[in-house]
Amino acid sequence: MRQSVSTSPGEGAGSAAKAAKVPDVPDQPAANDAPTLLAGAGTGVSPDAGVDGAAAGGAAEPDGPPESTFASTNPVTGAVVGDFPVCSPRQVSAAVAAARAAAPWWAGLGAAGRRDHLLRWAAHLARHDRELVELLHAENGKTAADAHIELLLTLEHIRWAARHAGRVLRTRRVLPGPFLANYTARVEYRPLGVVGVIGPWNYPLLTPVGSIAYALAAGNPVVFKPSEYTPALGSRLAQSFAAANPAAPAGVLGVVTGFADTGAALCAAGVDKIAFTGSAASGRTVMATCARSLTPVTIECGGKDPCIVADDADVVAAARAAVWGAMANAGQTCAGVERIYVTAAVAEQFLAEVRRALTAVRPGGGADASYGPMTMPGQAAVVRRHVSDALARGATALLGGVDAVGETFISPIVLVDVPEDSPAVQEETFGPVVTVRTVADVDEAVALANGTPYALGASVFSRRRGDEIARRLDAGMVSVNAVLSFAGIPALPFGGSGESGFGRVHGAEGLREFARPRSVATLRLPLPGTTLTTFQRPPGLLAAVNWAARRRHGRGPSARGGH
């Protein structure tokens, strides 16, 4: 699925290129491919620095120049966006060491000091919004509209993490209970240490920042490995942090570039946690590597998100929202709409509105395009296989079909009544394709919606029953009468279960993912003759405690609710 070429800086222009081989993961969504990890150490960088890896933070500098480099290219034109080092395990270790050295300073700032640094970072990104949108378009291929939305959400998440970490992670007191009433008890939240973040290419700012900003706010330096398809954007994140905070030591936010070997090196480099976004297959590989050192992980592995349209839905609004959730960003959204279940009472109207909503929707690389290209080479083959199989097994194409699948651009494809055991229903397609199935009622819709091994997001359209239906769905997040709204609310945790992974980013839960709780119990008032934890217990103390325990626990629930 993925082949990238790296050329040693010492070789002449006419010498043979070295292929940086990455194990194939057949039919995995592009954004969820095998991990690609570090390049660039997060040293101070001029805000005018270019996108080349050499200007991105210098991860290779502690151990000399990189052994090889690779080019990041525009997915539409093939034009080179920048050249970046393929970081070796030694260079990755150097980047982690720089982060480790910065850890006491960063943790010592406290929540208020880190808040200021993060808000300055967000302000720098906002002031350079045009450059970032242009770079998102050039390296990732997404439209300016999609890029602006991604940048907006990126800024919102940095701001939320910065402003709320002090409250969420403040020390809290808990009741010690009657048998240790002469103690005080508290829970503290301590930084983990150094966090490694492995990011995808489909949302190369928003998705990694959902881990980076929250890890930083919790007091941890970060070493970030962007996808090999978006190293310029990953490097720009570290550049902008350094430019906004020139007094910060090198290593607070570092970036390392490369391929799967670089990612594996990051997992094995002694970091204190890995936050990974990618395929379930690659997630298992990351977990296996981290298991050798008992390094904890947060894993987000994509989804096959359902949308339910009930009898009482606003059908026009549901159709417009669903097709945007399916087609925006060329369908390359882990929590995008891939399956729609519409009740029979409104199915005919819904399909007509879907067709109408997609009338003018077209992919392309120009300013008038509705969405952009397939960012990862080879992903079109996955889409083509899913569509071909569905049609061969009796599905019909409301829009598009196999002919809509090009190598770079794919026009909208809507498949009706696809068999539930087909790849187009059970596997993540990760393209501008959505299946629509007519069901008898909401009960059937819920059963089918819960019928895949994924459990990331979902959406429900119903005027009166939205919350009730949402409670029945096996999903980590649900939008009611909207799509993907949970991703735009920073206070809400983001994540799933099953093949969608585990752990959470965003919100208070996301902050706590990057903190280590510590329990402290303090004896405040010694009471002679009441201590159980001694070999010198007074006679009769244990009998008295046993009597009290029977009185407290032996009667079962009370009429007032079991207190």
Protein backbone atom coordinates (compact mmCIF):
# COMPACT_ATOMS: atom_id res chain seq x y z
CA MET A 1 0.00 0.00 0.00
CA ARG A 2 2.78 2.43 0.75
CA GLN A 3 6.14 2.94 -0.85
CA SER A 4 8.28 5.97 -0.20
CA VAL A 5 11.71 6.73 -1.56
CA SER A 6 14.54 8.04 0.56
CA THR A 7 17.81 9.23 -0.88
CA SER A 8 21.00 9.51 1.08
CA PRO A 9 22.27 13.10 1.13
CA GLY A 10 25.69 11.78 0.18
CA GLU A 11 24.51 10.25 -3.08
CA GLY A 12 24.64 12.06 -6.40
CA ALA A 13 21.53 12.97 -8.29
CA GLY A 14 21.96 10.06 -10.65
CA SER A 15 22.50 7.38 -8.04
CA ALA A 16 19.87 4.76 -7.30
CA ALA A 17 17.19 5.75 -4.83
CA LYS A 18 16.78 3.75 -1.66
CA ALA A 19 13.32 2.41 -1.02
CA ALA A 20 12.25 2.83 2.59
CA LYS A 21 10.09 -0.26 2.79
CA VAL A 22 7.13 -0.41 5.10
CA PRO A 23 5.23 -3.65 5.72
CA ASP A 24 1.94 -3.59 3.85
CA VAL A 25 -1.30 -3.75 5.79
CA PRO A 26 -3.77 -4.97 3.15
CA ASP A 27 -6.94 -2.94 2.80
CA GLN A 28 -6.34 -0.76 5.83
CA PRO A 29 -7.53 2.85 5.61
CA ALA A 30 -4.79 5.24 4.62
CA ALA A 31 -4.88 7.36 7.73
CA ASN A 32 -4.58 4.23 9.79
CA ASP A 33 -1.50 2.72 8.28
CA ALA A 34 1.54 1.32 10.02
CA PRO A 35 3.08 3.78 12.49
CA THR A 36 5.48 6.40 11.21
CA LEU A 37 7.41 8.11 13.95
CA LEU A 38 9.96 10.83 14.78
CA ALA A 39 12.09 13.46 13.00
CA GLY A 40 13.07 16.77 14.53
CA ALA A 41 13.83 17.52 18.16
CA GLY A 42 11.83 20.64 18.82
CA THR A 43 14.69 23.09 19.12
CA GLY A 44 13.95 26.78 18.72
CA VAL A 45 13.09 27.58 15.12
CA SER A 46 12.70 30.88 13.32
CA PRO A 47 9.09 31.58 12.39
CA ASP A 48 10.36 32.07 8.85
CA ALA A 49 11.81 28.56 8.64
CA GLY A 50 10.82 26.51 5.62
CA VAL A 51 9.02 23.20 5.55
CA ASP A 52 12.08 21.03 5.00
CA GLY A 53 12.87 18.67 7.83
CA ALA A 54 16.26 20.31 8.25
CA ALA A 55 14.45 23.44 9.40
CA ALA A 56 11.89 21.66 11.49
CA GLY A 57 13.72 21.17 14.72
CA GLY A 58 16.89 19.21 14.03
CA ALA A 59 16.21 15.87 15.67
CA ALA A 60 19.17 14.43 13.84
CA GLU A 61 21.59 17.11 14.97
CA PRO A 62 22.70 15.46 18.25
CA ASP A 63 24.05 12.51 16.31
CA GLY A 64 24.95 14.16 13.04
CA PRO A 65 23.07 14.47 9.78
CA PRO A 66 20.35 11.99 8.84
CA GLU A 67 21.39 8.85 7.03
CA SER A 68 18.60 9.29 4.49
CA THR A 69 15.75 11.61 3.62
CA PHE A 70 12.38 11.32 1.95
CA ALA A 71 10.21 13.73 0.02
CA SER A 72 6.68 14.76 0.93
CA THR A 73 4.65 15.43 -2.18
CA ASN A 74 1.36 17.01 -3.19
CA PRO A 75 -1.16 14.15 -3.66
CA VAL A 76 -2.64 15.80 -6.77
CA THR A 77 0.34 17.25 -8.65
CA GLY A 78 3.21 15.21 -7.25
CA ALA A 79 5.14 18.42 -6.56
CA VAL A 80 7.65 18.14 -3.73
CA VAL A 81 6.49 19.95 -0.58
CA GLY A 82 9.69 19.32 1.37
CA ASP A 83 12.45 16.84 2.20
CA PHE A 84 12.67 15.28 5.65
CA PRO A 85 15.06 13.01 7.53
CA VAL A 86 14.34 9.35 8.13
CA CYS A 87 15.21 9.27 11.82
CA SER A 88 17.17 6.31 13.07
CA PRO A 89 16.61 4.69 16.48
CA ARG A 90 19.61 6.62 17.81
CA GLN A 91 18.15 9.91 16.61
CA VAL A 92 14.77 9.04 18.07
CA SER A 93 16.42 8.31 21.40
CA ALA A 94 18.17 11.69 21.22
CA ALA A 95 14.81 13.41 20.67
CA VAL A 96 13.32 11.59 23.67
CA ALA A 97 16.37 12.52 25.76
CA ALA A 98 15.85 16.19 24.83
CA ALA A 99 12.23 15.91 25.94
CA ARG A 100 13.29 14.20 29.16
CA ALA A 101 15.72 17.03 29.88
CA ALA A 102 12.95 19.58 29.38
CA ALA A 103 10.46 17.74 31.59
CA PRO A 104 11.34 19.29 34.98
CA TRP A 105 11.15 22.81 33.55
CA TRP A 106 7.84 22.20 31.80
CA ALA A 107 6.24 20.46 34.79
CA GLY A 108 7.60 23.17 37.09
CA LEU A 109 5.71 25.91 35.25
CA GLY A 110 2.49 24.65 36.78
CA ALA A 111 -0.87 24.74 35.06
CA ALA A 112 -0.92 28.55 34.80
CA GLY A 113 2.50 28.76 33.19
CA ARG A 114 1.74 25.99 30.72
CA ARG A 115 -1.60 27.67 29.95
CA ASP A 116 0.22 30.81 28.81
CA HIS A 117 2.60 28.86 26.58
CA LEU A 118 -0.22 26.92 24.94
CA LEU A 119 -2.34 30.02 24.36
CA ARG A 120 0.64 31.76 22.77
CA TRP A 121 1.02 28.71 20.52
CA ALA A 122 -2.63 28.89 19.49
CA ALA A 123 -2.30 32.62 18.84
CA HIS A 124 0.72 32.02 16.60
CA LEU A 125 -1.16 29.38 14.63
CA ALA A 126 -4.16 31.71 14.27
CA ARG A 127 -1.99 34.55 13.00
CA HIS A 128 -0.50 32.23 10.38
CA ASP A 129 -3.81 30.69 9.36
CA ARG A 130 -3.40 31.38 5.65
CA GLU A 131 -0.04 29.65 5.52
CA LEU A 132 -1.40 26.63 7.39
CA VAL A 133 -4.44 26.35 5.13
CA GLU A 134 -2.18 26.54 2.07
CA LEU A 135 0.11 23.88 3.53
CA LEU A 136 -2.85 21.62 4.37
CA HIS A 137 -4.00 21.93 0.78
CA ALA A 138 -0.52 21.38 -0.65
CA GLU A 139 0.54 18.40 1.44
CA ASN A 140 -2.74 16.72 2.36
CA GLY A 141 -4.85 17.81 -0.61
CA LYS A 142 -7.95 18.88 1.30
CA THR A 143 -9.95 21.88 0.19
CA ALA A 144 -9.55 25.29 1.76
CA ALA A 145 -12.97 24.87 3.42
CA ASP A 146 -12.01 21.55 5.00
CA ALA A 147 -8.64 23.02 6.01
CA HIS A 148 -10.24 26.04 7.70
CA ILE A 149 -12.59 23.78 9.67
CA GLU A 150 -9.68 21.59 10.78
CA LEU A 151 -7.63 24.58 11.88
CA LEU A 152 -10.56 26.07 13.80
CA LEU A 153 -11.09 22.84 15.74
CA THR A 154 -7.33 22.55 16.34
CA LEU A 155 -7.27 26.00 17.94
CA GLU A 156 -10.35 25.25 20.03
CA HIS A 157 -8.78 22.12 21.47
CA ILE A 158 -5.51 23.85 22.35
CA ARG A 159 -7.46 26.59 24.09
CA TRP A 160 -9.70 24.18 26.02
CA ALA A 161 -6.80 22.05 27.22
CA ALA A 162 -4.81 25.12 28.25
CA ARG A 163 -7.66 26.77 30.15
CA HIS A 164 -9.09 23.71 31.90
CA ALA A 165 -6.07 21.57 32.84
CA GLY A 166 -5.58 23.38 36.16
CA ARG A 167 -9.16 22.69 37.23
CA VAL A 168 -9.39 19.11 35.95
CA LEU A 169 -6.01 18.03 37.36
CA ARG A 170 -6.02 19.95 40.62
CA THR A 171 -5.53 18.04 43.83
CA ARG A 172 -8.84 16.90 45.29
CA ARG A 173 -9.68 15.73 48.77
CA VAL A 174 -11.70 12.59 49.42
CA LEU A 175 -13.41 11.31 52.56
CA PRO A 176 -11.33 8.79 54.52
CA GLY A 177 -14.28 6.82 55.93
CA PRO A 178 -15.27 6.26 59.56
CA PHE A 179 -12.52 3.79 60.44
CA LEU A 180 -9.76 6.22 59.41
CA ALA A 181 -11.55 9.41 60.39
CA ASN A 182 -8.38 10.84 61.93
CA TYR A 183 -6.73 10.91 58.47
CA THR A 184 -7.01 13.27 55.54
CA ALA A 185 -6.94 11.83 52.04
CA ARG A 186 -6.23 13.42 48.68
CA VAL A 187 -5.68 12.52 45.03
CA GLU A 188 -2.93 14.31 43.12
CA TYR A 189 -2.40 14.25 39.35
CA ARG A 190 1.22 14.11 38.29
CA PRO A 191 2.70 14.34 34.79
CA LEU A 192 3.58 11.00 33.24
CA GLY A 193 6.94 12.12 31.88
CA VAL A 194 7.55 12.09 28.11
CA VAL A 195 4.63 11.28 25.80
CA GLY A 196 5.10 9.96 22.29
CA VAL A 197 2.35 10.83 19.79
CA ILE A 198 1.96 8.96 16.49
CA GLY A 199 -0.37 10.88 14.22
CA PRO A 200 -2.29 10.16 11.00
CA TRP A 201 -2.39 12.06 7.72
CA ASN A 202 -6.13 12.57 7.27
CA TYR A 203 -6.40 15.30 9.92
CA PRO A 204 -2.71 16.10 10.37
CA LEU A 205 -3.30 19.06 12.69
CA LEU A 206 -6.50 18.28 14.59
CA THR A 207 -5.94 14.61 15.40
CA PRO A 208 -2.40 14.84 16.80
CA VAL A 209 -3.17 18.09 18.64
CA GLY A 210 -5.99 16.20 20.37
CA SER A 211 -3.18 14.31 22.12
CA ILE A 212 -0.32 16.83 21.98
CA ALA A 213 -2.16 19.78 23.53
CA TYR A 214 -3.69 17.68 26.29
CA ALA A 215 -0.41 15.94 27.10
CA LEU A 216 1.41 19.29 27.22
CA ALA A 217 -1.30 20.85 29.37
CA ALA A 218 -0.97 17.94 31.80
CA GLY A 219 2.74 18.70 32.20
CA ASN A 220 4.38 16.29 29.77
CA PRO A 221 6.88 17.13 27.02
CA VAL A 222 5.90 15.50 23.72
CA VAL A 223 7.80 13.83 20.90
CA PHE A 224 5.53 13.78 17.86
CA LYS A 225 5.84 11.45 14.89
CA PRO A 226 3.66 12.75 12.05
CA SER A 227 2.58 10.55 9.18
CA GLU A 228 5.14 10.23 6.41
CA TYR A 229 2.47 11.72 4.16
CA THR A 230 2.28 14.96 6.19
CA PRO A 231 5.71 15.61 7.74
CA ALA A 232 5.68 19.29 6.75
CA LEU A 233 2.51 19.89 8.75
CA GLY A 234 3.85 17.97 11.73
CA SER A 235 7.09 19.92 11.59
CA ARG A 236 5.18 23.18 11.35
CA LEU A 237 3.41 22.40 14.64
CA ALA A 238 6.76 22.17 16.43
CA GLN A 239 8.10 25.24 14.61
CA SER A 240 5.11 27.30 15.63
CA PHE A 241 5.35 26.26 19.28
CA ALA A 242 9.04 27.21 19.36
CA ALA A 243 8.39 30.51 17.57
CA ALA A 244 5.59 31.39 20.00
CA ASN A 245 7.68 30.40 23.03
CA PRO A 246 11.33 31.21 22.25
CA ALA A 247 12.37 30.93 25.90
CA ALA A 248 11.15 27.34 26.20
CA PRO A 249 13.94 24.74 26.20
CA ALA A 250 14.43 22.40 23.28
CA GLY A 251 12.42 19.26 23.70
CA VAL A 252 9.13 20.55 25.11
CA LEU A 253 7.54 19.76 21.75
CA GLY A 254 9.76 17.79 19.41
CA VAL A 255 8.97 16.17 16.10
CA VAL A 256 10.63 13.21 14.39
CA THR A 257 9.92 12.05 10.85
CA GLY A 258 10.30 8.73 9.11
CA PHE A 259 8.53 5.47 8.42
CA ALA A 260 7.43 2.41 10.40
CA ASP A 261 10.91 1.76 11.79
CA THR A 262 10.99 5.27 13.22
CA GLY A 263 7.62 4.66 14.83
CA ALA A 264 8.78 1.40 16.33
CA ALA A 265 11.85 3.20 17.65
CA LEU A 266 9.67 5.77 19.39
CA CYS A 267 7.64 3.02 21.05
CA ALA A 268 10.88 1.47 22.31
CA ALA A 269 12.67 4.70 23.26
CA GLY A 270 11.60 4.81 26.89
CA VAL A 271 8.67 7.20 26.60
CA ASP A 272 6.12 7.11 29.38
CA LYS A 273 3.08 6.76 27.13
CA ILE A 274 2.22 6.40 23.44
CA ALA A 275 -0.89 7.99 21.93
CA PHE A 276 -1.52 6.31 18.58
CA THR A 277 -4.02 6.93 15.81
CA GLY A 278 -4.12 4.36 13.01
CA SER A 279 -5.49 1.03 11.89
CA ALA A 280 -6.34 -1.79 14.28
CA ALA A 281 -3.58 -3.89 12.72
CA SER A 282 -0.99 -1.19 13.31
CA GLY A 283 -2.44 -0.52 16.76
CA ARG A 284 -1.80 -4.13 17.71
CA THR A 285 1.79 -3.78 16.49
CA VAL A 286 2.25 -0.65 18.58
CA MET A 287 0.76 -2.39 21.62
CA ALA A 288 3.04 -5.40 21.19
CA THR A 289 6.11 -3.18 21.02
CA CYS A 290 5.03 -1.12 24.02
CA ALA A 291 4.15 -4.25 26.00
CA ARG A 292 7.83 -5.21 26.17
CA SER A 293 8.48 -2.21 28.41
CA LEU A 294 4.97 -1.97 29.92
CA THR A 295 4.55 1.42 28.23
CA PRO A 296 0.87 2.40 28.41
CA VAL A 297 -0.92 3.32 25.20
CA THR A 298 -4.02 5.14 24.00
CA ILE A 299 -5.26 3.65 20.73
CA GLU A 300 -7.71 5.19 18.25
CA CYS A 301 -8.23 2.85 15.33
CA GLY A 302 -11.03 4.22 13.21
CA GLY A 303 -14.64 3.22 12.74
CA LYS A 304 -17.54 2.24 10.53
CA ASP A 305 -19.92 4.81 11.88
CA PRO A 306 -23.68 4.37 11.45
CA CYS A 307 -26.36 7.01 11.00
CA ILE A 308 -29.99 6.26 11.90
CA VAL A 309 -32.84 8.22 10.33
CA ALA A 310 -36.10 7.61 12.20
CA ASP A 311 -39.73 8.10 11.11
CA ASP A 312 -39.94 11.49 12.81
CA ALA A 313 -36.65 12.88 11.48
CA ASP A 314 -36.28 16.16 9.65
CA VAL A 315 -35.52 14.27 6.45
CA VAL A 316 -34.06 17.18 4.50
CA ALA A 317 -31.72 18.14 7.32
CA ALA A 318 -30.77 14.49 7.89
CA ALA A 319 -29.89 13.95 4.23
CA ARG A 320 -27.79 17.09 3.99
CA ALA A 321 -25.92 16.33 7.19
CA ALA A 322 -25.37 12.65 6.38
CA VAL A 323 -23.91 13.24 2.94
CA TRP A 324 -21.56 15.87 4.32
CA GLY A 325 -20.50 13.46 7.06
CA ALA A 326 -19.87 10.81 4.40
CA MET A 327 -18.18 12.86 1.67
CA ALA A 328 -16.33 15.74 3.37
CA ASN A 329 -12.55 15.33 3.34
CA ALA A 330 -13.14 12.75 0.58
CA GLY A 331 -14.64 10.42 3.17
CA GLN A 332 -11.27 10.14 4.90
CA THR A 333 -12.66 10.69 8.39
CA CYS A 334 -12.46 8.00 11.05
CA ALA A 335 -15.77 9.11 12.60
CA GLY A 336 -17.43 10.00 9.31
CA VAL A 337 -20.75 8.51 8.19
CA GLU A 338 -20.24 5.21 6.35
CA ARG A 339 -23.57 3.42 6.94
CA ILE A 340 -27.10 4.87 6.95
CA TYR A 341 -30.18 3.02 8.23
CA VAL A 342 -33.42 4.77 7.33
CA THR A 343 -36.86 3.60 8.36
CA ALA A 344 -39.26 2.55 5.61
CA ALA A 345 -41.72 5.35 6.34
CA VAL A 346 -39.25 8.02 5.14
CA ALA A 347 -36.84 6.01 3.00
CA GLU A 348 -38.10 7.15 -0.40
CA GLN A 349 -38.03 10.81 0.57
CA PHE A 350 -34.62 10.42 2.21
CA LEU A 351 -33.03 8.86 -0.88
CA ALA A 352 -34.44 11.63 -3.04
CA GLU A 353 -32.98 14.24 -0.70
CA VAL A 354 -29.61 12.47 -0.67
CA ARG A 355 -29.50 12.60 -4.46
CA ARG A 356 -30.49 16.27 -4.39
CA ALA A 357 -27.90 17.15 -1.73
CA LEU A 358 -25.13 15.61 -3.85
CA THR A 359 -26.15 17.19 -7.15
CA ALA A 360 -23.32 19.73 -7.21
CA VAL A 361 -20.80 17.89 -5.04
CA ARG A 362 -17.58 17.16 -6.95
CA PRO A 363 -14.01 16.28 -5.99
CA GLY A 364 -11.01 18.15 -7.32
CA GLY A 365 -7.87 20.08 -6.65
CA GLY A 366 -9.23 23.53 -7.50
CA ALA A 367 -10.92 26.24 -5.49
CA ASP A 368 -14.38 25.14 -6.62
CA ALA A 369 -14.02 21.51 -5.49
CA SER A 370 -16.33 20.15 -2.78
CA TYR A 371 -13.60 17.89 -1.45
CA GLY A 372 -10.10 16.82 -2.36
CA PRO A 373 -8.20 13.72 -3.45
CA MET A 374 -7.38 10.39 -1.93
CA THR A 375 -4.34 11.44 0.06
CA MET A 376 -2.66 8.04 0.30
CA PRO A 377 -1.66 6.20 -2.85
CA GLY A 378 -3.46 2.89 -3.09
CA GLN A 379 -6.52 3.78 -1.03
CA ALA A 380 -8.58 4.00 -4.22
CA ALA A 381 -8.06 0.27 -4.69
CA VAL A 382 -9.75 -0.40 -1.34
CA VAL A 383 -12.71 1.76 -2.33
CA ARG A 384 -12.95 0.05 -5.73
CA ARG A 385 -12.92 -3.40 -4.12
CA HIS A 386 -15.68 -2.51 -1.66
CA VAL A 387 -17.90 -0.98 -4.35
CA SER A 388 -17.35 -3.81 -6.84
CA ASP A 389 -18.11 -6.46 -4.25
CA ALA A 390 -21.29 -4.69 -3.07
CA LEU A 391 -22.65 -4.31 -6.60
CA ALA A 392 -21.80 -7.92 -7.47
CA ARG A 393 -23.79 -9.05 -4.44
CA GLY A 394 -26.99 -7.26 -5.36
CA ALA A 395 -26.59 -3.69 -4.15
CA THR A 396 -27.64 -0.84 -6.42
CA ALA A 397 -25.87 2.46 -6.95
CA LEU A 398 -28.05 5.48 -6.27
CA LEU A 399 -25.07 7.58 -7.31
CA GLY A 400 -21.68 6.67 -8.69
CA GLY A 401 -20.37 3.15 -8.99
CA VAL A 402 -17.11 1.53 -9.96
CA ASP A 403 -16.61 4.10 -12.74
CA ALA A 404 -16.63 6.88 -10.12
CA VAL A 405 -13.39 5.55 -8.62
CA GLY A 406 -10.32 7.22 -10.10
CA GLU A 407 -6.77 6.86 -8.90
CA THR A 408 -6.64 10.33 -7.37
CA PHE A 409 -10.24 11.54 -7.18
CA ILE A 410 -13.40 9.60 -6.38
CA SER A 411 -16.84 11.03 -7.09
CA PRO A 412 -19.62 10.52 -4.51
CA ILE A 413 -20.88 6.94 -4.33
CA VAL A 414 -24.16 5.98 -2.64
CA LEU A 415 -24.91 2.25 -2.48
CA VAL A 416 -28.41 1.05 -1.58
CA ASP A 417 -29.26 -2.18 0.29
CA VAL A 418 -25.76 -3.59 0.50
CA PRO A 419 -25.59 -7.03 2.18
CA GLU A 420 -24.65 -6.60 5.82
CA ASP A 421 -21.80 -9.10 5.65
CA SER A 422 -20.07 -7.33 2.76
CA PRO A 423 -16.77 -5.45 3.14
CA ALA A 424 -18.54 -2.19 2.29
CA VAL A 425 -20.53 -2.59 5.52
CA GLN A 426 -18.12 -4.42 7.80
CA GLU A 427 -14.78 -2.80 6.91
CA GLU A 428 -13.66 0.81 7.00
CA THR A 429 -13.84 2.06 3.40
CA PHE A 430 -12.26 5.46 4.04
CA GLY A 431 -13.48 7.11 0.88
CA PRO A 432 -16.49 9.12 -0.37
CA VAL A 433 -18.79 6.11 -0.18
CA VAL A 434 -21.88 5.56 1.95
CA THR A 435 -24.31 2.65 2.15
CA VAL A 436 -28.04 3.19 2.72
CA ARG A 437 -30.33 0.43 3.93
CA THR A 438 -34.09 0.62 4.44
CA VAL A 439 -35.24 -0.92 7.73
CA ALA A 440 -38.64 -1.69 9.17
CA ASP A 441 -38.19 0.33 12.33
CA VAL A 442 -35.69 1.82 14.77
CA ASP A 443 -35.21 -1.53 16.54
CA GLU A 444 -33.87 -3.07 13.34
CA ALA A 445 -31.75 0.01 12.69
CA VAL A 446 -30.14 -0.20 16.12
CA ALA A 447 -29.42 -3.92 15.77
CA LEU A 448 -27.73 -3.41 12.40
CA ALA A 449 -25.89 -0.28 13.56
CA ASN A 450 -24.36 -2.34 16.37
CA GLY A 451 -23.46 -5.15 13.99
CA THR A 452 -19.81 -4.40 13.23
CA PRO A 453 -16.68 -4.86 15.36
CA TYR A 454 -16.19 -1.08 15.43
CA ALA A 455 -17.64 1.25 18.06
CA LEU A 456 -16.36 4.76 17.48
CA GLY A 457 -19.07 7.31 16.61
CA ALA A 458 -22.67 7.37 15.43
CA SER A 459 -25.43 9.82 14.55
CA VAL A 460 -29.19 9.79 15.04
CA PHE A 461 -31.90 11.89 13.40
CA SER A 462 -35.21 11.96 15.28
CA ARG A 463 -37.28 14.86 16.57
CA ARG A 464 -38.61 13.06 19.66
CA ARG A 465 -36.57 9.90 20.23
CA GLY A 466 -32.99 11.01 19.54
CA ASP A 467 -31.60 10.61 23.05
CA GLU A 468 -33.40 7.31 23.59
CA ILE A 469 -31.96 5.85 20.36
CA ALA A 470 -28.50 7.23 21.16
CA ARG A 471 -28.46 5.36 24.49
CA ARG A 472 -28.95 2.05 22.65
CA LEU A 473 -25.99 2.45 20.31
CA ASP A 474 -22.66 0.75 20.90
CA ALA A 475 -20.54 3.82 20.22
CA GLY A 476 -18.12 5.99 22.12
CA MET A 477 -19.76 9.16 20.79
CA VAL A 478 -23.16 10.01 19.32
CA SER A 479 -24.43 13.14 17.58
CA VAL A 480 -28.19 13.68 17.73
CA ASN A 481 -29.72 15.56 14.78
CA ALA A 482 -26.23 16.38 13.54
CA VAL A 483 -23.07 14.60 12.43
CA LEU A 484 -19.60 14.74 13.97
CA SER A 485 -20.62 17.47 16.42
CA PHE A 486 -18.93 15.61 19.29
CA ALA A 487 -15.53 16.25 17.65
CA GLY A 488 -16.13 19.99 17.69
CA ILE A 489 -16.92 20.22 21.42
CA PRO A 490 -13.56 20.10 23.22
CA ALA A 491 -15.12 19.18 26.57
CA LEU A 492 -16.39 15.87 25.18
CA PRO A 493 -14.05 12.84 25.25
CA PHE A 494 -13.26 11.23 21.91
CA GLY A 495 -12.66 7.50 21.48
CA GLY A 496 -14.27 4.12 21.04
CA SER A 497 -14.06 0.43 21.85
CA GLY A 498 -13.60 -2.88 20.06
CA GLU A 499 -11.74 -2.48 16.76
CA SER A 500 -11.97 1.27 17.28
CA GLY A 501 -9.43 1.10 20.11
CA PHE A 502 -9.51 2.26 23.71
CA GLY A 503 -8.69 5.26 25.85
CA ARG A 504 -9.88 8.81 25.31
CA VAL A 505 -8.55 12.11 24.05
CA HIS A 506 -10.23 15.53 24.45
CA GLY A 507 -12.08 16.81 27.47
CA ALA A 508 -11.35 16.10 31.10
CA GLU A 509 -10.95 12.40 30.36
CA GLY A 510 -8.37 13.25 27.71
CA LEU A 511 -6.35 15.32 30.19
CA ARG A 512 -6.42 12.52 32.74
CA GLU A 513 -5.12 10.07 30.11
CA PHE A 514 -1.83 11.98 30.35
CA ALA A 515 -1.61 12.25 34.12
CA ARG A 516 -0.67 9.79 36.84
CA PRO A 517 -2.99 9.79 39.84
CA ARG A 518 -1.25 9.56 43.20
CA SER A 519 -3.05 8.83 46.44
CA VAL A 520 -1.87 10.41 49.69
CA ALA A 521 -3.25 9.52 53.15
CA THR A 522 -1.99 11.62 56.08
CA LEU A 523 -2.45 10.88 59.78
CA ARG A 524 -3.56 14.20 61.28
CA LEU A 525 -4.66 13.29 64.80
CA PRO A 526 -3.16 10.25 66.56
CA LEU A 527 -5.83 8.56 68.69
CA PRO A 528 -4.24 6.17 71.18
CA GLY A 529 -5.83 2.78 71.34
CA THR A 530 -7.53 2.99 67.91
CA THR A 531 -4.74 1.90 65.54
CA LEU A 532 -5.35 -1.41 63.76
CA THR A 533 -2.09 -1.35 61.78
CA THR A 534 0.19 -2.34 64.63
CA PHE A 535 1.15 -5.50 66.48
CA GLN A 536 0.52 -3.63 69.74
CA ARG A 537 -3.27 -3.35 69.35
CA PRO A 538 -5.03 -2.95 72.73
CA PRO A 539 -7.19 -5.86 73.88
CA GLY A 540 -10.75 -5.68 72.65
CA LEU A 541 -10.07 -3.24 69.76
CA LEU A 542 -10.53 -5.81 67.02
CA ALA A 543 -13.76 -7.10 68.58
CA ALA A 544 -15.11 -3.55 68.80
CA VAL A 545 -14.24 -2.90 65.14
CA ASN A 546 -15.89 -6.15 64.07
CA TRP A 547 -19.05 -5.16 65.94
CA ALA A 548 -19.04 -1.76 64.23
CA ALA A 549 -18.50 -3.37 60.84
CA ARG A 550 -21.50 -5.66 61.35
CA ARG A 551 -23.63 -2.69 62.36
CA ARG A 552 -22.48 -0.67 59.33
CA HIS A 553 -22.65 -3.33 56.63
CA GLY A 554 -24.72 -6.22 57.92
CA ARG A 555 -28.19 -4.78 57.46
CA GLY A 556 -28.14 -4.43 53.66
CA PRO A 557 -29.88 -1.61 51.80
CA SER A 558 -32.11 0.66 53.82
CA ALA A 559 -35.53 1.92 52.83
CA ARG A 560 -33.94 5.27 51.95
CA GLY A 561 -31.83 3.82 49.15
CA GLY A 562 -29.14 1.73 50.76
CA HIS A 563 -27.02 4.40 52.47
